[in-house]
Amino acid sequence: MGQYFLIANQNKQQFIDPFRLPVSEKISALLNSDLINTLLPYLIVGSQNRQYLKFKEAGYYTQKYLGAWYGDPVDLLGDYDEEEQSWIVRSEYENISIEISAIVFELKLDLMYQILEETESGSRCWLELIRAVADLDHPPVSLLHGLKELFGGSWKDELYRRIG
């Protein structure tokens, strides 16, 4: 089976659970994940970066999480090697996996359309992520528009039908 990992910020008491994303929790897949490698820089960018303000206005979740982990240590915790700490993180910290994924749909429209293409081919893991992001309190407008383009006006019914 192997060890499964999560990404944690113990100062903010938040974590990203790759199991909630279409990413393997195994170390090699996690370190090579395009999705994780896209999302982490948004969390750790500092406000002194010249592009920061441009990105900060992109959407609700970008505003909320852009630079939120800046300056904090970020841990990759395994469920074997750091079993106790991993359990504490999973049970007591805020899981921001879906909210942080919404940033992709707010900022990375090219990646968003790649993901939507995956859902059109029936990729269940991407369908579940899209459903979770679309069900957030503030779903990204670009995602809703993309879903309407892909599935038509009754996109929600079609999305749920494909998930089963």
C-alpha atoms as a PDB file:
ATOM      1  CA  MET A   1       0.000   0.000   0.000  1.00  0.00           C
ATOM      2  CA  GLY A   2       2.579   2.566   0.997  1.00  0.00           C
ATOM      3  CA  GLN A   3       2.460   5.761   2.917  1.00  0.00           C
ATOM      4  CA  TYR A   4      -0.065   8.510   2.171  1.00  0.00           C
ATOM      5  CA  PHE A   5       0.735  12.191   2.626  1.00  0.00           C
ATOM      6  CA  LEU A   6      -0.994  15.478   3.239  1.00  0.00           C
ATOM      7  CA  ILE A   7       0.272  19.053   3.071  1.00  0.00           C
ATOM      8  CA  ALA A   8      -0.118  20.995   6.313  1.00  0.00           C
ATOM      9  CA  ASN A   9       0.405  24.491   7.632  1.00  0.00           C
ATOM     10  CA  GLN A  10       0.530  24.050  11.377  1.00  0.00           C
ATOM     11  CA  ASN A  11       0.624  27.812  12.088  1.00  0.00           C
ATOM     12  CA  LYS A  12      -2.691  28.356  10.266  1.00  0.00           C
ATOM     13  CA  GLN A  13      -4.027  24.921  11.254  1.00  0.00           C
ATOM     14  CA  GLN A  14      -5.003  24.192   7.654  1.00  0.00           C
ATOM     15  CA  PHE A  15      -4.193  21.336   5.313  1.00  0.00           C
ATOM     16  CA  ILE A  16      -4.560  20.080   1.776  1.00  0.00           C
ATOM     17  CA  ASP A  17      -5.682  16.494   1.442  1.00  0.00           C
ATOM     18  CA  PRO A  18      -4.644  15.055  -1.933  1.00  0.00           C
ATOM     19  CA  PHE A  19      -7.330  12.372  -1.476  1.00  0.00           C
ATOM     20  CA  ARG A  20      -9.945  15.125  -2.022  1.00  0.00           C
ATOM     21  CA  LEU A  21      -8.228  16.076  -5.280  1.00  0.00           C
ATOM     22  CA  PRO A  22      -7.483  14.038  -8.385  1.00  0.00           C
ATOM     23  CA  VAL A  23      -3.939  13.558  -7.068  1.00  0.00           C
ATOM     24  CA  SER A  24      -2.384  10.464  -5.561  1.00  0.00           C
ATOM     25  CA  GLU A  25      -1.310  10.785  -1.950  1.00  0.00           C
ATOM     26  CA  LYS A  26       1.868   8.826  -2.688  1.00  0.00           C
ATOM     27  CA  ILE A  27       5.007  10.930  -2.394  1.00  0.00           C
ATOM     28  CA  SER A  28       6.238  10.608  -5.988  1.00  0.00           C
ATOM     29  CA  ALA A  29       2.860  11.454  -7.533  1.00  0.00           C
ATOM     30  CA  LEU A  30       2.271  14.262  -5.059  1.00  0.00           C
ATOM     31  CA  LEU A  31       5.612  15.925  -5.771  1.00  0.00           C
ATOM     32  CA  ASN A  32       5.031  15.649  -9.533  1.00  0.00           C
ATOM     33  CA  SER A  33       1.381  16.722  -9.531  1.00  0.00           C
ATOM     34  CA  ASP A  34       0.594  19.580 -11.909  1.00  0.00           C
ATOM     35  CA  LEU A  35      -2.367  20.535  -9.729  1.00  0.00           C
ATOM     36  CA  ILE A  36      -0.361  20.709  -6.489  1.00  0.00           C
ATOM     37  CA  ASN A  37       2.507  22.486  -8.252  1.00  0.00           C
ATOM     38  CA  THR A  38      -0.004  25.029  -9.545  1.00  0.00           C
ATOM     39  CA  LEU A  39      -1.758  25.598  -6.208  1.00  0.00           C
ATOM     40  CA  LEU A  40       1.080  25.776  -3.668  1.00  0.00           C
ATOM     41  CA  PRO A  41       2.743  28.898  -5.120  1.00  0.00           C
ATOM     42  CA  TYR A  42      -0.530  30.804  -4.731  1.00  0.00           C
ATOM     43  CA  LEU A  43      -0.596  29.917  -1.038  1.00  0.00           C
ATOM     44  CA  ILE A  44       2.995  30.882  -0.319  1.00  0.00           C
ATOM     45  CA  VAL A  45       3.513  33.975  -2.494  1.00  0.00           C
ATOM     46  CA  GLY A  46       4.406  37.114  -0.554  1.00  0.00           C
ATOM     47  CA  SER A  47       2.647  40.449  -0.958  1.00  0.00           C
ATOM     48  CA  GLN A  48       5.904  42.080  -2.069  1.00  0.00           C
ATOM     49  CA  ASN A  49       5.606  40.201  -5.379  1.00  0.00           C
ATOM     50  CA  ARG A  50       4.717  42.687  -8.147  1.00  0.00           C
ATOM     51  CA  GLN A  51       2.003  40.446  -9.599  1.00  0.00           C
ATOM     52  CA  TYR A  52       0.361  39.913  -6.205  1.00  0.00           C
ATOM     53  CA  LEU A  53      -2.222  42.711  -6.477  1.00  0.00           C
ATOM     54  CA  LYS A  54      -3.178  41.665 -10.003  1.00  0.00           C
ATOM     55  CA  PHE A  55      -3.940  38.155  -8.795  1.00  0.00           C
ATOM     56  CA  LYS A  56      -5.528  39.304  -5.539  1.00  0.00           C
ATOM     57  CA  GLU A  57      -8.558  40.686  -7.425  1.00  0.00           C
ATOM     58  CA  ALA A  58      -9.206  37.517  -9.457  1.00  0.00           C
ATOM     59  CA  GLY A  59     -11.935  35.954  -7.353  1.00  0.00           C
ATOM     60  CA  TYR A  60     -13.263  35.116  -3.923  1.00  0.00           C
ATOM     61  CA  TYR A  61     -10.940  32.181  -3.141  1.00  0.00           C
ATOM     62  CA  THR A  62      -7.909  33.876  -4.638  1.00  0.00           C
ATOM     63  CA  GLN A  63      -8.561  36.870  -2.407  1.00  0.00           C
ATOM     64  CA  LYS A  64      -8.998  34.636   0.606  1.00  0.00           C
ATOM     65  CA  TYR A  65      -6.018  32.309   0.101  1.00  0.00           C
ATOM     66  CA  LEU A  66      -3.446  34.150  -2.016  1.00  0.00           C
ATOM     67  CA  GLY A  67      -0.361  34.402   0.180  1.00  0.00           C
ATOM     68  CA  ALA A  68      -2.212  32.923   3.174  1.00  0.00           C
ATOM     69  CA  TRP A  69       0.688  30.582   3.960  1.00  0.00           C
ATOM     70  CA  TYR A  70       3.437  33.081   3.192  1.00  0.00           C
ATOM     71  CA  GLY A  71       6.337  32.785   5.637  1.00  0.00           C
ATOM     72  CA  ASP A  72       4.883  29.763   7.431  1.00  0.00           C
ATOM     73  CA  PRO A  73       6.519  26.353   7.455  1.00  0.00           C
ATOM     74  CA  VAL A  74       4.643  23.873   5.284  1.00  0.00           C
ATOM     75  CA  ASP A  75       4.889  20.179   6.125  1.00  0.00           C
ATOM     76  CA  LEU A  76       4.413  17.075   4.040  1.00  0.00           C
ATOM     77  CA  LEU A  77       3.130  14.595   6.634  1.00  0.00           C
ATOM     78  CA  GLY A  78       2.984  10.855   6.077  1.00  0.00           C
ATOM     79  CA  ASP A  79       0.431   8.640   7.752  1.00  0.00           C
ATOM     80  CA  TYR A  80       3.169   6.174   8.846  1.00  0.00           C
ATOM     81  CA  ASP A  81       6.207   8.299   9.624  1.00  0.00           C
ATOM     82  CA  GLU A  82       4.227  11.114  11.241  1.00  0.00           C
ATOM     83  CA  GLU A  83       1.184   9.067  12.195  1.00  0.00           C
ATOM     84  CA  GLU A  84       0.236  10.990  15.333  1.00  0.00           C
ATOM     85  CA  GLN A  85       0.753  14.438  13.795  1.00  0.00           C
ATOM     86  CA  SER A  86      -1.062  13.372  10.620  1.00  0.00           C
ATOM     87  CA  TRP A  87      -4.023  12.195  12.703  1.00  0.00           C
ATOM     88  CA  ILE A  88      -4.096  15.496  14.640  1.00  0.00           C
ATOM     89  CA  VAL A  89      -4.024  17.495  11.411  1.00  0.00           C
ATOM     90  CA  ARG A  90      -6.830  15.462   9.824  1.00  0.00           C
ATOM     91  CA  SER A  91      -9.034  15.660  12.918  1.00  0.00           C
ATOM     92  CA  GLU A  92      -8.393  19.204  14.169  1.00  0.00           C
ATOM     93  CA  TYR A  93      -7.257  21.367  11.225  1.00  0.00           C
ATOM     94  CA  GLU A  94      -9.313  22.984   8.483  1.00  0.00           C
ATOM     95  CA  ASN A  95      -9.238  21.056   5.209  1.00  0.00           C
ATOM     96  CA  ILE A  96      -8.938  23.726   2.482  1.00  0.00           C
ATOM     97  CA  SER A  97      -8.450  21.316  -0.427  1.00  0.00           C
ATOM     98  CA  ILE A  98     -11.595  22.230  -2.353  1.00  0.00           C
ATOM     99  CA  GLU A  99     -11.411  25.960  -1.611  1.00  0.00           C
ATOM    100  CA  ILE A 100      -7.811  26.154  -2.746  1.00  0.00           C
ATOM    101  CA  SER A 101      -8.721  24.205  -5.893  1.00  0.00           C
ATOM    102  CA  ALA A 102     -11.192  26.952  -6.749  1.00  0.00           C
ATOM    103  CA  ILE A 103      -8.198  29.194  -7.437  1.00  0.00           C
ATOM    104  CA  VAL A 104      -7.460  27.128 -10.552  1.00  0.00           C
ATOM    105  CA  PHE A 105     -10.913  27.977 -11.878  1.00  0.00           C
ATOM    106  CA  GLU A 106     -10.491  31.656 -11.001  1.00  0.00           C
ATOM    107  CA  LEU A 107      -6.987  32.170 -12.407  1.00  0.00           C
ATOM    108  CA  LYS A 108      -5.931  29.377 -14.723  1.00  0.00           C
ATOM    109  CA  LEU A 109      -8.589  29.274 -17.428  1.00  0.00           C
ATOM    110  CA  ASP A 110      -6.421  27.165 -19.736  1.00  0.00           C
ATOM    111  CA  LEU A 111      -6.074  24.530 -17.015  1.00  0.00           C
ATOM    112  CA  MET A 112      -9.768  24.855 -16.186  1.00  0.00           C
ATOM    113  CA  TYR A 113     -10.702  24.016 -19.785  1.00  0.00           C
ATOM    114  CA  GLN A 114      -8.305  21.039 -19.741  1.00  0.00           C
ATOM    115  CA  ILE A 115     -10.050  19.797 -16.602  1.00  0.00           C
ATOM    116  CA  LEU A 116     -13.472  20.327 -18.181  1.00  0.00           C
ATOM    117  CA  GLU A 117     -12.341  18.291 -21.190  1.00  0.00           C
ATOM    118  CA  GLU A 118     -11.387  15.486 -18.808  1.00  0.00           C
ATOM    119  CA  THR A 119     -14.897  15.583 -17.351  1.00  0.00           C
ATOM    120  CA  GLU A 120     -16.410  15.376 -20.811  1.00  0.00           C
ATOM    121  CA  SER A 121     -14.573  12.098 -21.326  1.00  0.00           C
ATOM    122  CA  GLY A 122     -16.059  10.822 -18.071  1.00  0.00           C
ATOM    123  CA  SER A 123     -13.107  11.137 -15.700  1.00  0.00           C
ATOM    124  CA  ARG A 124     -14.845  10.607 -12.357  1.00  0.00           C
ATOM    125  CA  CYS A 125     -12.101  12.100 -10.164  1.00  0.00           C
ATOM    126  CA  TRP A 126     -12.272  15.412 -12.073  1.00  0.00           C
ATOM    127  CA  LEU A 127     -16.077  15.306 -12.078  1.00  0.00           C
ATOM    128  CA  GLU A 128     -16.095  14.989  -8.297  1.00  0.00           C
ATOM    129  CA  LEU A 129     -13.662  17.886  -7.872  1.00  0.00           C
ATOM    130  CA  ILE A 130     -15.715  20.093 -10.189  1.00  0.00           C
ATOM    131  CA  ARG A 131     -18.910  19.212  -8.340  1.00  0.00           C
ATOM    132  CA  ALA A 132     -17.269  20.072  -5.005  1.00  0.00           C
ATOM    133  CA  VAL A 133     -15.964  23.417  -6.319  1.00  0.00           C
ATOM    134  CA  ALA A 134     -19.316  24.231  -7.980  1.00  0.00           C
ATOM    135  CA  ASP A 135     -21.068  23.484  -4.664  1.00  0.00           C
ATOM    136  CA  LEU A 136     -18.943  25.982  -2.691  1.00  0.00           C
ATOM    137  CA  ASP A 137     -20.692  29.029  -1.244  1.00  0.00           C
ATOM    138  CA  HIS A 138     -18.919  31.204  -3.838  1.00  0.00           C
ATOM    139  CA  PRO A 139     -18.389  29.047  -6.929  1.00  0.00           C
ATOM    140  CA  PRO A 140     -16.044  30.615  -9.473  1.00  0.00           C
ATOM    141  CA  VAL A 141     -18.045  32.370 -12.187  1.00  0.00           C
ATOM    142  CA  SER A 142     -15.607  31.119 -14.827  1.00  0.00           C
ATOM    143  CA  LEU A 143     -16.306  27.508 -13.798  1.00  0.00           C
ATOM    144  CA  LEU A 144     -20.069  27.990 -13.973  1.00  0.00           C
ATOM    145  CA  HIS A 145     -19.672  29.556 -17.417  1.00  0.00           C
ATOM    146  CA  GLY A 146     -17.433  26.684 -18.554  1.00  0.00           C
ATOM    147  CA  LEU A 147     -19.931  24.103 -17.284  1.00  0.00           C
ATOM    148  CA  LYS A 148     -22.748  25.823 -19.189  1.00  0.00           C
ATOM    149  CA  GLU A 149     -20.607  25.793 -22.349  1.00  0.00           C
ATOM    150  CA  LEU A 150     -19.808  22.110 -21.890  1.00  0.00           C
ATOM    151  CA  PHE A 151     -23.091  20.676 -20.640  1.00  0.00           C
ATOM    152  CA  GLY A 152     -25.663  23.327 -21.560  1.00  0.00           C
ATOM    153  CA  GLY A 153     -28.146  25.192 -19.387  1.00  0.00           C
ATOM    154  CA  SER A 154     -28.914  22.146 -17.237  1.00  0.00           C
ATOM    155  CA  TRP A 155     -25.219  21.623 -16.490  1.00  0.00           C
ATOM    156  CA  LYS A 156     -25.833  20.706 -12.852  1.00  0.00           C
ATOM    157  CA  ASP A 157     -28.189  17.847 -13.734  1.00  0.00           C
ATOM    158  CA  GLU A 158     -25.720  16.560 -16.332  1.00  0.00           C
ATOM    159  CA  LEU A 159     -22.791  16.823 -13.924  1.00  0.00           C
ATOM    160  CA  TYR A 160     -24.634  14.872 -11.220  1.00  0.00           C
ATOM    161  CA  ARG A 161     -25.826  12.310 -13.763  1.00  0.00           C
ATOM    162  CA  ARG A 162     -22.256  11.661 -14.888  1.00  0.00           C
ATOM    163  CA  ILE A 163     -21.066  11.247 -11.307  1.00  0.00           C
ATOM    164  CA  GLY A 164     -23.827   8.747 -10.693  1.00  0.00           C
END
